[in-house]
Amino acid sequence: VDRHGISGRLMRIVVDGQSLQSASRLRGIGRYTQSLLHAMIERGRGHEYVLVLNGAFPDTIAPIRAEFRDSLPRDAIRVWEAPGPLRAAEPDNLWRARVAELLGATFIASMNPDCVLVPSLFEGYLDDVATSIAVSSDAPPTALIVQDLIPHLHRSVYLDAPGVTAWY
């Protein structure tokens, strides 16, 4: 893959924008995701970018549309809906979270992306976020950014609760 995409053709790149909506939006992951997407759009002129948002965070949608109004067409910011609540901190939500993962993946696949970018997989313990990668054999290539492995390195500090460990 070079700056012109796979074999020199332009690509449709779908970005999972939930890290711009969850509690991460106010921390480094949210700022990184926002800056990365702006840089990708600026440097990847000609490629088609689609930002996918989660309808469970309605108060974040207008500010995100405003943030990207000069760089993405309005119809390039799309919203999907899933049953909630999803937060993994409540074990009874597990079935809804799995359904939401499938719904989100199906929504993304319906856009026929050449590739998908998931800026943060570790979302959803305390938020109604449903992230996933390659939930089907015909899923598009997915790039995943792992922002922080400190919980893995310092389990006793970050992963001491049984529910957190299973989710992580």
Protein backbone atom coordinates (compact mmCIF):
# COMPACT_ATOMS: atom_id res chain seq x y z
CA VAL A 1 0.00 0.00 0.00
CA ASP A 2 1.40 3.38 -0.95
CA ARG A 3 -0.09 6.88 -0.86
CA HIS A 4 -2.33 5.93 -3.78
CA GLY A 5 -3.79 2.89 -2.04
CA ILE A 6 -3.64 -0.72 -3.06
CA SER A 7 -2.02 -1.10 -6.50
CA GLY A 8 -2.20 2.65 -7.08
CA ARG A 9 -6.00 2.95 -6.84
CA LEU A 10 -7.87 5.24 -4.54
CA MET A 11 -9.50 3.65 -1.53
CA ARG A 12 -12.61 3.98 0.64
CA ILE A 13 -11.32 4.06 4.22
CA VAL A 14 -13.86 3.67 7.01
CA VAL A 15 -12.84 4.91 10.45
CA ASP A 16 -14.58 3.73 13.63
CA GLY A 17 -15.13 7.04 15.43
CA GLN A 18 -16.31 5.72 18.79
CA SER A 19 -13.10 6.84 20.52
CA LEU A 20 -14.21 10.38 19.59
CA GLN A 21 -17.46 9.74 21.48
CA SER A 22 -16.64 7.68 24.57
CA ALA A 23 -14.89 8.89 27.72
CA SER A 24 -11.69 8.60 25.65
CA ARG A 25 -12.73 11.65 23.65
CA LEU A 26 -11.51 13.87 26.49
CA ARG A 27 -8.18 12.07 26.88
CA GLY A 28 -5.19 11.26 24.73
CA ILE A 29 -6.91 8.58 22.67
CA GLY A 30 -9.63 10.99 21.55
CA ARG A 31 -7.15 13.76 20.75
CA TYR A 32 -4.92 11.28 18.89
CA THR A 33 -7.85 9.91 16.88
CA GLN A 34 -8.99 13.40 15.92
CA SER A 35 -5.48 14.51 14.89
CA LEU A 36 -4.80 11.27 13.03
CA LEU A 37 -8.02 11.50 11.04
CA HIS A 38 -7.35 15.14 10.12
CA ALA A 39 -3.82 14.19 8.99
CA MET A 40 -5.04 11.18 7.00
CA ILE A 41 -7.62 13.30 5.18
CA GLU A 42 -5.09 16.05 4.46
CA ARG A 43 -2.35 13.72 3.22
CA GLY A 44 -4.61 11.18 1.57
CA ARG A 45 -6.34 13.53 -0.84
CA GLY A 46 -8.47 11.64 -3.31
CA HIS A 47 -9.17 8.74 -1.00
CA GLU A 48 -12.70 8.56 0.32
CA TYR A 49 -12.94 8.69 4.11
CA VAL A 50 -16.05 7.69 6.04
CA LEU A 51 -16.30 8.33 9.76
CA VAL A 52 -18.68 5.98 11.56
CA LEU A 53 -20.27 7.11 14.82
CA ASN A 54 -22.35 5.31 17.43
CA GLY A 55 -25.88 6.64 17.93
CA ALA A 56 -25.69 5.81 21.65
CA PHE A 57 -23.78 9.11 22.08
CA PRO A 58 -26.16 11.64 20.49
CA ASP A 59 -24.60 14.64 22.24
CA THR A 60 -21.27 14.00 20.51
CA ILE A 61 -22.49 13.80 16.92
CA ALA A 62 -23.01 17.52 16.20
CA PRO A 63 -19.64 18.56 17.69
CA ILE A 64 -17.86 15.87 15.66
CA ARG A 65 -19.66 16.98 12.49
CA ALA A 66 -18.57 20.55 13.27
CA GLU A 67 -14.96 19.45 13.86
CA PHE A 68 -14.77 17.79 10.44
CA ARG A 69 -17.07 20.11 8.45
CA ASP A 70 -14.16 21.53 6.42
CA SER A 71 -12.55 18.19 5.66
CA LEU A 72 -15.37 15.63 5.29
CA PRO A 73 -18.62 15.92 3.36
CA ARG A 74 -21.63 15.74 5.69
CA ASP A 75 -22.70 12.37 4.27
CA ALA A 76 -19.23 10.95 5.03
CA ILE A 77 -20.10 10.97 8.73
CA ARG A 78 -22.52 8.11 9.29
CA VAL A 79 -24.29 6.97 12.43
CA TRP A 80 -25.36 3.44 13.36
CA GLU A 81 -27.69 2.35 16.15
CA ALA A 82 -27.57 -0.62 18.49
CA PRO A 83 -29.61 -1.81 21.44
CA GLY A 84 -28.20 -0.72 24.78
CA PRO A 85 -26.90 -0.59 27.36
CA LEU A 86 -23.64 -2.18 26.26
CA ARG A 87 -21.06 -1.36 28.92
CA ALA A 88 -19.05 -4.44 29.82
CA ALA A 89 -18.91 -3.49 33.52
CA GLU A 90 -22.42 -4.94 33.74
CA PRO A 91 -22.29 -8.66 32.81
CA ASP A 92 -25.97 -8.74 31.80
CA ASN A 93 -25.03 -6.52 28.83
CA LEU A 94 -22.79 -9.12 27.20
CA TRP A 95 -25.40 -10.40 24.74
CA ARG A 96 -26.31 -6.84 23.67
CA ALA A 97 -22.63 -5.98 23.22
CA ARG A 98 -22.14 -9.00 20.93
CA VAL A 99 -25.26 -8.05 18.93
CA ALA A 100 -23.99 -4.46 18.71
CA GLU A 101 -20.60 -5.65 17.46
CA LEU A 102 -22.31 -7.57 14.66
CA LEU A 103 -24.59 -4.64 13.83
CA GLY A 104 -21.64 -2.25 13.72
CA ALA A 105 -19.60 -4.61 11.55
CA THR A 106 -22.54 -5.13 9.20
CA PHE A 107 -23.10 -1.38 8.97
CA ILE A 108 -19.44 -0.83 8.11
CA ALA A 109 -19.41 -3.71 5.59
CA SER A 110 -22.46 -2.19 3.85
CA MET A 111 -20.22 0.71 2.80
CA ASN A 112 -17.92 -1.64 0.87
CA PRO A 113 -14.73 -0.31 2.45
CA ASP A 114 -11.32 -1.14 1.09
CA CYS A 115 -10.10 -1.04 4.68
CA VAL A 116 -11.31 -0.17 8.17
CA LEU A 117 -9.40 1.69 10.87
CA VAL A 118 -10.23 1.04 14.53
CA PRO A 119 -8.31 3.70 16.50
CA SER A 120 -9.04 2.12 19.89
CA LEU A 121 -10.23 -1.42 20.59
CA PHE A 122 -10.16 -0.99 24.38
CA GLU A 123 -13.42 0.91 24.66
CA GLY A 124 -16.69 -0.08 26.22
CA TYR A 125 -16.02 -1.14 29.78
CA LEU A 126 -17.85 1.88 31.19
CA ASP A 127 -19.39 3.24 27.95
CA ASP A 128 -21.95 1.96 25.46
CA VAL A 129 -19.24 1.30 22.88
CA ALA A 130 -19.08 -1.83 20.71
CA THR A 131 -15.78 -2.27 18.92
CA SER A 132 -14.71 -5.34 17.05
CA ILE A 133 -12.44 -6.55 14.30
CA ALA A 134 -12.96 -9.23 11.67
CA VAL A 135 -16.18 -10.69 13.00
CA SER A 136 -16.78 -12.48 9.71
CA SER A 137 -14.58 -14.26 7.22
CA ASP A 138 -15.43 -11.78 4.48
CA ALA A 139 -14.68 -8.70 6.61
CA PRO A 140 -12.56 -6.02 4.93
CA PRO A 141 -8.93 -5.64 6.02
CA THR A 142 -8.88 -3.91 9.40
CA ALA A 143 -6.09 -1.85 10.93
CA LEU A 144 -6.12 -1.59 14.69
CA ILE A 145 -4.23 0.93 16.79
CA VAL A 146 -3.26 -0.30 20.23
CA GLN A 147 -2.98 2.86 22.27
CA ASP A 148 -1.95 1.59 25.65
CA LEU A 149 -0.69 -1.71 27.00
CA ILE A 150 0.08 -0.42 30.48
CA PRO A 151 -2.87 -2.40 31.96
CA HIS A 152 -1.32 -5.56 30.53
CA LEU A 153 2.07 -4.72 32.03
CA HIS A 154 0.69 -3.65 35.42
CA ARG A 155 -2.19 -6.05 35.89
CA SER A 156 -2.38 -5.67 39.67
CA VAL A 157 -3.06 -1.96 39.33
CA TYR A 158 -5.40 -1.86 36.33
CA LEU A 159 -6.90 -5.33 35.99
CA ASP A 160 -7.60 -6.30 39.57
CA ALA A 161 -11.38 -6.69 39.21
CA PRO A 162 -12.49 -10.00 37.61
CA GLY A 163 -14.83 -8.25 35.15
CA VAL A 164 -12.11 -5.87 33.97
CA THR A 165 -9.67 -8.72 33.38
CA ALA A 166 -12.16 -10.71 31.29
CA TRP A 167 -13.12 -7.65 29.24
CA TYR A 168 -9.51 -6.58 28.62
